[in-house]
Amino acid sequence: MLTKKDMTVLDILKHDAKLSTREISEKTGIPITTVHNRIKKLEKEGIIKAYKAVVDKKKIGKSISAYILLTVSYKDLDAINLTQESLAKKFLTLPEVEECSIISGASDIILKVATKDVDELNDFVINKLRHIGGVEKTLTSIVLKDVDPMAS
C-alpha cells in the first residue's frame, strides 16, 4: 500500500528523476533518509521500474512525431502463427517506433513513432508498416506540439 509520502516522492521523480534525495527532501519536507529508503522500497517492489532520459528529438534529427492506430487482421495473424502481443513486440524492434500499446476500441494497437520528416514517415507507414503480416489498416496522426507539463 502506497502512503501519501510515497506518492509525493513518485510525483516528483516522474517529473525529474535526476533530483538528488537531498533536493527531494527539501521540496517535500521529508527527511533525506526517509526519502532514500522510500525510493529503494519503491524500486524493490517494482513500482519504479526504470529511469530514462527524455530526449529532444529535434536535436537528434527526428522532428516528426506521430501516433499510428493499427487494425489487426487476426486471420492473417493466425495464418503466420503470431499473436497480437507478439506482433506488438515486433513493432518495438523497428527504429522508428518509440512506444507500442495494445488498446481497446476501433483499433487494436497504437504506435508512437519519430522520423526525420514527413517523407520518412510516409515511407515507414507505406513501405514498412503496411507490409508486416497481420496489419490490416493504419490511421496516422502527426503530432503538432508536445505539451511539457513542467513548462510554465
Protein backbone atom coordinates (compact mmCIF):
# COMPACT_ATOMS: atom_id res chain seq x y z
CA MET A 1 0.00 0.00 0.00
CA LEU A 2 1.42 3.35 -1.02
CA THR A 3 1.47 6.15 1.51
CA LYS A 4 0.95 9.84 0.86
CA LYS A 5 4.73 10.32 1.23
CA ASP A 6 5.37 7.56 -1.35
CA MET A 7 3.02 9.26 -3.81
CA THR A 8 4.69 12.64 -3.20
CA VAL A 9 8.14 11.17 -3.92
CA LEU A 10 6.81 9.36 -7.01
CA ASP A 11 5.23 12.53 -8.39
CA ILE A 12 8.49 14.42 -8.03
CA LEU A 13 10.54 11.61 -9.64
CA LYS A 14 8.08 11.32 -12.56
CA HIS A 15 8.82 14.94 -13.44
CA ASP A 16 12.56 14.95 -12.70
CA ALA A 17 14.32 11.69 -11.88
CA LYS A 18 17.70 13.44 -11.72
CA LEU A 19 16.88 15.16 -8.45
CA SER A 20 19.01 14.04 -5.51
CA THR A 21 17.45 12.71 -2.33
CA ARG A 22 18.51 15.98 -0.69
CA GLU A 23 16.62 18.03 -3.29
CA ILE A 24 13.54 15.82 -2.93
CA SER A 25 13.80 16.16 0.84
CA GLU A 26 13.94 19.95 0.54
CA LYS A 27 10.93 20.04 -1.80
CA THR A 28 8.81 17.78 0.39
CA GLY A 29 9.98 18.36 3.93
CA ILE A 30 10.56 14.60 4.26
CA PRO A 31 13.91 13.69 5.90
CA ILE A 32 16.67 12.63 3.46
CA THR A 33 16.99 9.14 4.97
CA THR A 34 13.22 8.61 4.65
CA VAL A 35 13.28 9.76 1.01
CA HIS A 36 16.19 7.42 0.25
CA ASN A 37 14.50 4.46 1.98
CA ARG A 38 11.18 5.08 0.23
CA ILE A 39 12.84 5.26 -3.19
CA LYS A 40 14.72 1.99 -2.54
CA LYS A 41 11.46 0.36 -1.36
CA LEU A 42 9.59 1.57 -4.47
CA GLU A 43 12.38 0.20 -6.69
CA LYS A 44 12.47 -3.15 -4.86
CA GLU A 45 8.69 -3.53 -5.12
CA GLY A 46 8.84 -2.82 -8.88
CA ILE A 47 6.75 0.33 -8.59
CA ILE A 48 9.68 2.30 -10.01
CA LYS A 49 10.69 0.19 -12.99
CA ALA A 50 13.38 2.36 -14.59
CA TYR A 51 14.85 5.79 -15.01
CA LYS A 52 15.20 7.12 -18.53
CA ALA A 53 16.34 10.16 -20.42
CA VAL A 54 13.79 12.32 -22.19
CA VAL A 55 15.47 13.22 -25.47
CA ASP A 56 14.83 16.34 -27.52
CA LYS A 57 14.03 14.50 -30.74
CA LYS A 58 14.53 17.56 -32.93
CA LYS A 59 18.14 17.81 -31.77
CA ILE A 60 18.80 14.25 -32.95
CA GLY A 61 17.16 14.76 -36.34
CA LYS A 62 13.72 13.31 -35.55
CA SER A 63 11.48 16.35 -36.00
CA ILE A 64 8.24 14.47 -36.80
CA SER A 65 6.32 12.52 -34.17
CA ALA A 66 3.14 10.65 -34.95
CA TYR A 67 0.65 8.24 -33.44
CA ILE A 68 -0.40 5.38 -35.66
CA LEU A 69 -3.56 3.42 -34.93
CA LEU A 70 -3.42 -0.11 -36.33
CA THR A 71 -6.19 -2.52 -37.06
CA VAL A 72 -5.03 -6.12 -36.88
CA SER A 73 -6.15 -8.89 -39.21
CA TYR A 74 -6.47 -11.81 -36.81
CA LYS A 75 -6.99 -14.20 -39.71
CA ASP A 76 -3.62 -13.16 -41.13
CA LEU A 77 -2.01 -13.45 -37.67
CA ASP A 78 -3.35 -16.99 -37.32
CA ALA A 79 -2.00 -17.86 -40.78
CA ILE A 80 1.53 -16.79 -39.78
CA ASN A 81 1.19 -18.21 -36.26
CA LEU A 82 1.52 -14.87 -34.42
CA THR A 83 -0.42 -13.40 -31.51
CA GLN A 84 -1.40 -9.76 -31.17
CA GLU A 85 1.19 -9.38 -28.41
CA SER A 86 3.99 -10.91 -30.49
CA LEU A 87 3.05 -8.56 -33.33
CA ALA A 88 3.23 -5.61 -30.93
CA LYS A 89 6.67 -6.73 -29.75
CA LYS A 90 7.76 -6.96 -33.39
CA PHE A 91 6.83 -3.29 -33.87
CA LEU A 92 9.12 -2.36 -30.97
CA THR A 93 12.11 -3.69 -32.94
CA LEU A 94 11.59 -1.02 -35.61
CA PRO A 95 13.87 2.01 -35.06
CA GLU A 96 11.08 4.50 -35.75
CA VAL A 97 8.83 3.08 -33.01
CA GLU A 98 9.18 4.66 -29.58
CA GLU A 99 6.15 3.13 -27.87
CA CYS A 100 3.61 0.44 -28.60
CA SER A 101 0.39 -0.34 -26.73
CA ILE A 102 -2.40 -2.82 -27.26
CA ILE A 103 -5.65 -0.89 -26.94
CA SER A 104 -9.41 -1.37 -26.95
CA GLY A 105 -11.87 0.28 -29.29
CA ALA A 106 -11.97 0.59 -33.06
CA SER A 107 -8.21 -0.02 -33.34
CA ASP A 108 -6.10 -2.77 -31.81
CA ILE A 109 -2.63 -1.25 -31.41
CA ILE A 110 -1.26 2.27 -31.16
CA LEU A 111 2.32 3.19 -32.01
CA LYS A 112 4.21 6.35 -31.19
CA VAL A 113 6.85 6.95 -33.86
CA ALA A 114 9.54 9.53 -34.60
CA THR A 115 11.01 10.25 -38.02
CA LYS A 116 13.26 12.78 -39.69
CA ASP A 117 10.49 14.29 -41.82
CA VAL A 118 7.10 13.60 -43.40
CA ASP A 119 8.71 11.75 -46.32
CA GLU A 120 10.40 9.34 -43.92
CA LEU A 121 7.10 8.90 -42.02
CA ASN A 122 5.32 8.22 -45.31
CA ASP A 123 7.95 5.65 -46.27
CA PHE A 124 7.71 3.99 -42.85
CA VAL A 125 3.91 3.65 -42.99
CA ILE A 126 3.53 2.68 -46.64
CA ASN A 127 6.62 0.60 -47.31
CA LYS A 128 7.37 -0.89 -43.90
CA LEU A 129 4.42 -0.98 -41.56
CA ARG A 130 1.70 -1.94 -44.04
CA HIS A 131 3.83 -4.84 -45.30
CA ILE A 132 4.07 -6.51 -41.90
CA GLY A 133 1.86 -9.59 -41.71
CA GLY A 134 -1.21 -9.02 -39.59
CA VAL A 135 -1.51 -5.28 -40.26
CA GLU A 136 -4.89 -4.68 -41.86
CA LYS A 137 -5.03 -0.88 -41.88
CA THR A 138 -3.45 2.18 -40.33
CA LEU A 139 -4.53 5.67 -39.33
CA THR A 140 -1.73 8.18 -38.77
CA SER A 141 -1.96 11.40 -36.76
CA ILE A 142 1.03 13.75 -36.80
CA VAL A 143 1.85 15.49 -33.52
CA LEU A 144 1.68 19.26 -33.92
CA LYS A 145 3.07 20.09 -30.48
CA ASP A 146 4.07 18.13 -27.38
CA VAL A 147 2.87 19.79 -24.20
CA ASP A 148 5.53 19.85 -21.48
CA PRO A 149 3.91 19.54 -18.05
CA MET A 150 6.93 21.25 -16.46
CA ALA A 151 6.89 24.29 -18.76
CA SER A 152 5.04 27.32 -17.49
